[in-house]
Amino acid sequence: MRSALRISALLLVATSSLATAQGGRGGGGGPVNTPEIAFRVDLPGDDPKLQALKQQAMRLVDSMSTLTQQMVDQVFSFGELGFQEFETSKYLTGILEKNGFTITP
């Protein structure tokens, strides 16, 4: 369970890093869509258990920032063209297998 949480956090960081590298919005860079009218939203506060889980998730994500950057750098270093990412696929499936995932062809 803890390993699955770590991998989920790792993938979340990796995808957000890629999105940020592409301009933060999928690379489109279109217009900012902010509403002209502010709507009041009354949300209940977080209970202590939920707040603790959020803090734990943030610590896990932050603890993997160096690994995530290394993974992003490694993937981009392969430079494979034409949707034939053989080295990238081998690299990423190897990481998933090391963390307990079963990879099927």
C-alpha atoms as a PDB file:
ATOM      1  CA  MET A   1       0.000   0.000   0.000  1.00  0.00           C
ATOM      2  CA  ARG A   2       2.773   2.437   0.961  1.00  0.00           C
ATOM      3  CA  SER A   3       4.685   1.544  -2.208  1.00  0.00           C
ATOM      4  CA  ALA A   4       1.592   2.165  -4.322  1.00  0.00           C
ATOM      5  CA  LEU A   5       1.151   5.554  -2.632  1.00  0.00           C
ATOM      6  CA  ARG A   6       4.779   6.423  -3.366  1.00  0.00           C
ATOM      7  CA  ILE A   7       4.439   5.444  -7.031  1.00  0.00           C
ATOM      8  CA  SER A   8       1.177   7.388  -7.320  1.00  0.00           C
ATOM      9  CA  ALA A   9       2.873  10.428  -5.844  1.00  0.00           C
ATOM     10  CA  LEU A  10       5.886   9.904  -8.120  1.00  0.00           C
ATOM     11  CA  LEU A  11       3.710   9.735 -11.233  1.00  0.00           C
ATOM     12  CA  LEU A  12       1.783  12.790 -10.083  1.00  0.00           C
ATOM     13  CA  VAL A  13       4.994  14.773  -9.699  1.00  0.00           C
ATOM     14  CA  ALA A  14       6.364  13.534 -13.028  1.00  0.00           C
ATOM     15  CA  THR A  15       3.225  14.471 -14.952  1.00  0.00           C
ATOM     16  CA  SER A  16       2.956  17.855 -13.257  1.00  0.00           C
ATOM     17  CA  SER A  17       6.639  18.493 -14.053  1.00  0.00           C
ATOM     18  CA  LEU A  18       6.005  17.710 -17.693  1.00  0.00           C
ATOM     19  CA  ALA A  19       2.904  19.910 -17.776  1.00  0.00           C
ATOM     20  CA  THR A  20       4.842  22.763 -16.205  1.00  0.00           C
ATOM     21  CA  ALA A  21       7.642  22.316 -18.747  1.00  0.00           C
ATOM     22  CA  GLN A  22       5.034  22.601 -21.523  1.00  0.00           C
ATOM     23  CA  GLY A  23       3.619  25.859 -20.270  1.00  0.00           C
ATOM     24  CA  GLY A  24       1.476  24.534 -17.455  1.00  0.00           C
ATOM     25  CA  ARG A  25      -1.612  23.914 -19.547  1.00  0.00           C
ATOM     26  CA  GLY A  26      -0.813  21.095 -21.910  1.00  0.00           C
ATOM     27  CA  GLY A  27       1.484  23.252 -24.010  1.00  0.00           C
ATOM     28  CA  GLY A  28      -1.394  25.140 -25.637  1.00  0.00           C
ATOM     29  CA  GLY A  29      -0.776  28.438 -23.911  1.00  0.00           C
ATOM     30  CA  GLY A  30      -4.265  29.707 -24.773  1.00  0.00           C
ATOM     31  CA  PRO A  31      -6.097  32.567 -23.115  1.00  0.00           C
ATOM     32  CA  VAL A  32      -6.600  32.639 -19.361  1.00  0.00           C
ATOM     33  CA  ASN A  33     -10.223  31.816 -18.581  1.00  0.00           C
ATOM     34  CA  THR A  34     -11.050  33.588 -15.342  1.00  0.00           C
ATOM     35  CA  PRO A  35     -14.658  34.383 -14.493  1.00  0.00           C
ATOM     36  CA  GLU A  36     -15.682  38.014 -14.407  1.00  0.00           C
ATOM     37  CA  ILE A  37     -18.019  37.317 -11.497  1.00  0.00           C
ATOM     38  CA  ALA A  38     -16.689  35.843  -8.278  1.00  0.00           C
ATOM     39  CA  PHE A  39     -19.010  33.218  -6.811  1.00  0.00           C
ATOM     40  CA  ARG A  40     -19.028  32.729  -3.070  1.00  0.00           C
ATOM     41  CA  VAL A  41     -18.195  29.179  -2.058  1.00  0.00           C
ATOM     42  CA  ASP A  42     -18.632  28.012   1.526  1.00  0.00           C
ATOM     43  CA  LEU A  43     -16.662  24.810   1.981  1.00  0.00           C
ATOM     44  CA  PRO A  44     -16.368  23.034   5.298  1.00  0.00           C
ATOM     45  CA  GLY A  45     -12.909  22.940   6.843  1.00  0.00           C
ATOM     46  CA  ASP A  46     -10.783  19.808   6.670  1.00  0.00           C
ATOM     47  CA  ASP A  47     -11.061  17.422   9.548  1.00  0.00           C
ATOM     48  CA  PRO A  48      -7.763  16.627  11.325  1.00  0.00           C
ATOM     49  CA  LYS A  49      -7.446  13.159   9.769  1.00  0.00           C
ATOM     50  CA  LEU A  50      -7.833  14.523   6.241  1.00  0.00           C
ATOM     51  CA  GLN A  51      -5.389  17.332   6.968  1.00  0.00           C
ATOM     52  CA  ALA A  52      -2.835  14.796   8.263  1.00  0.00           C
ATOM     53  CA  LEU A  53      -3.223  12.711   5.089  1.00  0.00           C
ATOM     54  CA  LYS A  54      -2.714  15.794   2.922  1.00  0.00           C
ATOM     55  CA  GLN A  55       0.428  16.704   4.844  1.00  0.00           C
ATOM     56  CA  GLN A  56       1.760  13.150   4.473  1.00  0.00           C
ATOM     57  CA  ALA A  57       1.076  13.207   0.723  1.00  0.00           C
ATOM     58  CA  MET A  58       2.861  16.552   0.369  1.00  0.00           C
ATOM     59  CA  ARG A  59       5.890  15.240   2.291  1.00  0.00           C
ATOM     60  CA  LEU A  60       6.031  12.124   0.074  1.00  0.00           C
ATOM     61  CA  VAL A  61       5.827  14.211  -3.096  1.00  0.00           C
ATOM     62  CA  ASP A  62       8.486  16.639  -1.840  1.00  0.00           C
ATOM     63  CA  SER A  63      10.784  13.784  -0.794  1.00  0.00           C
ATOM     64  CA  MET A  64      10.808  12.464  -4.357  1.00  0.00           C
ATOM     65  CA  SER A  65      11.620  15.730  -6.129  1.00  0.00           C
ATOM     66  CA  THR A  66      15.245  14.792  -6.871  1.00  0.00           C
ATOM     67  CA  LEU A  67      14.291  11.328  -8.155  1.00  0.00           C
ATOM     68  CA  THR A  68      11.535  12.836 -10.268  1.00  0.00           C
ATOM     69  CA  GLN A  69      13.904  15.339 -11.858  1.00  0.00           C
ATOM     70  CA  GLN A  70      16.402  12.562 -12.573  1.00  0.00           C
ATOM     71  CA  MET A  71      13.644  10.499 -14.214  1.00  0.00           C
ATOM     72  CA  VAL A  72      12.515  13.417 -16.366  1.00  0.00           C
ATOM     73  CA  ASP A  73      16.106  14.143 -17.407  1.00  0.00           C
ATOM     74  CA  GLN A  74      16.698  10.469 -18.217  1.00  0.00           C
ATOM     75  CA  VAL A  75      13.544  10.158 -20.330  1.00  0.00           C
ATOM     76  CA  PHE A  76      14.358  13.299 -22.291  1.00  0.00           C
ATOM     77  CA  SER A  77      17.952  12.144 -22.783  1.00  0.00           C
ATOM     78  CA  PHE A  78      16.782   9.139 -24.815  1.00  0.00           C
ATOM     79  CA  GLY A  79      15.416  11.398 -27.558  1.00  0.00           C
ATOM     80  CA  GLU A  80      13.507   8.624 -29.319  1.00  0.00           C
ATOM     81  CA  LEU A  81      11.568   9.619 -32.419  1.00  0.00           C
ATOM     82  CA  GLY A  82       8.417   8.479 -34.143  1.00  0.00           C
ATOM     83  CA  PHE A  83       6.621   7.051 -31.110  1.00  0.00           C
ATOM     84  CA  GLN A  84       9.211   4.266 -30.880  1.00  0.00           C
ATOM     85  CA  GLU A  85      10.192   4.801 -27.262  1.00  0.00           C
ATOM     86  CA  PHE A  86      11.919   1.484 -26.631  1.00  0.00           C
ATOM     87  CA  GLU A  87      14.516   2.777 -24.157  1.00  0.00           C
ATOM     88  CA  THR A  88      11.970   4.988 -22.389  1.00  0.00           C
ATOM     89  CA  SER A  89       9.555   2.086 -22.051  1.00  0.00           C
ATOM     90  CA  LYS A  90      12.274  -0.198 -20.703  1.00  0.00           C
ATOM     91  CA  TYR A  91      13.421   2.451 -18.227  1.00  0.00           C
ATOM     92  CA  LEU A  92       9.957   3.307 -16.870  1.00  0.00           C
ATOM     93  CA  THR A  93       8.707  -0.287 -16.670  1.00  0.00           C
ATOM     94  CA  GLY A  94      11.903  -1.176 -14.799  1.00  0.00           C
ATOM     95  CA  ILE A  95      11.145   1.508 -12.206  1.00  0.00           C
ATOM     96  CA  LEU A  96       7.569   0.282 -11.845  1.00  0.00           C
ATOM     97  CA  GLU A  97       8.702  -3.335 -11.443  1.00  0.00           C
ATOM     98  CA  LYS A  98      11.220  -2.320  -8.757  1.00  0.00           C
ATOM     99  CA  ASN A  99       8.300  -0.811  -6.858  1.00  0.00           C
ATOM    100  CA  GLY A 100       6.128  -3.923  -6.953  1.00  0.00           C
ATOM    101  CA  PHE A 101       4.101  -3.480 -10.135  1.00  0.00           C
ATOM    102  CA  THR A 102       3.574  -6.369 -12.538  1.00  0.00           C
ATOM    103  CA  ILE A 103       4.120  -5.390 -16.162  1.00  0.00           C
ATOM    104  CA  THR A 104       2.404  -7.388 -18.886  1.00  0.00           C
ATOM    105  CA  PRO A 105       3.106  -7.007 -22.603  1.00  0.00           C
END
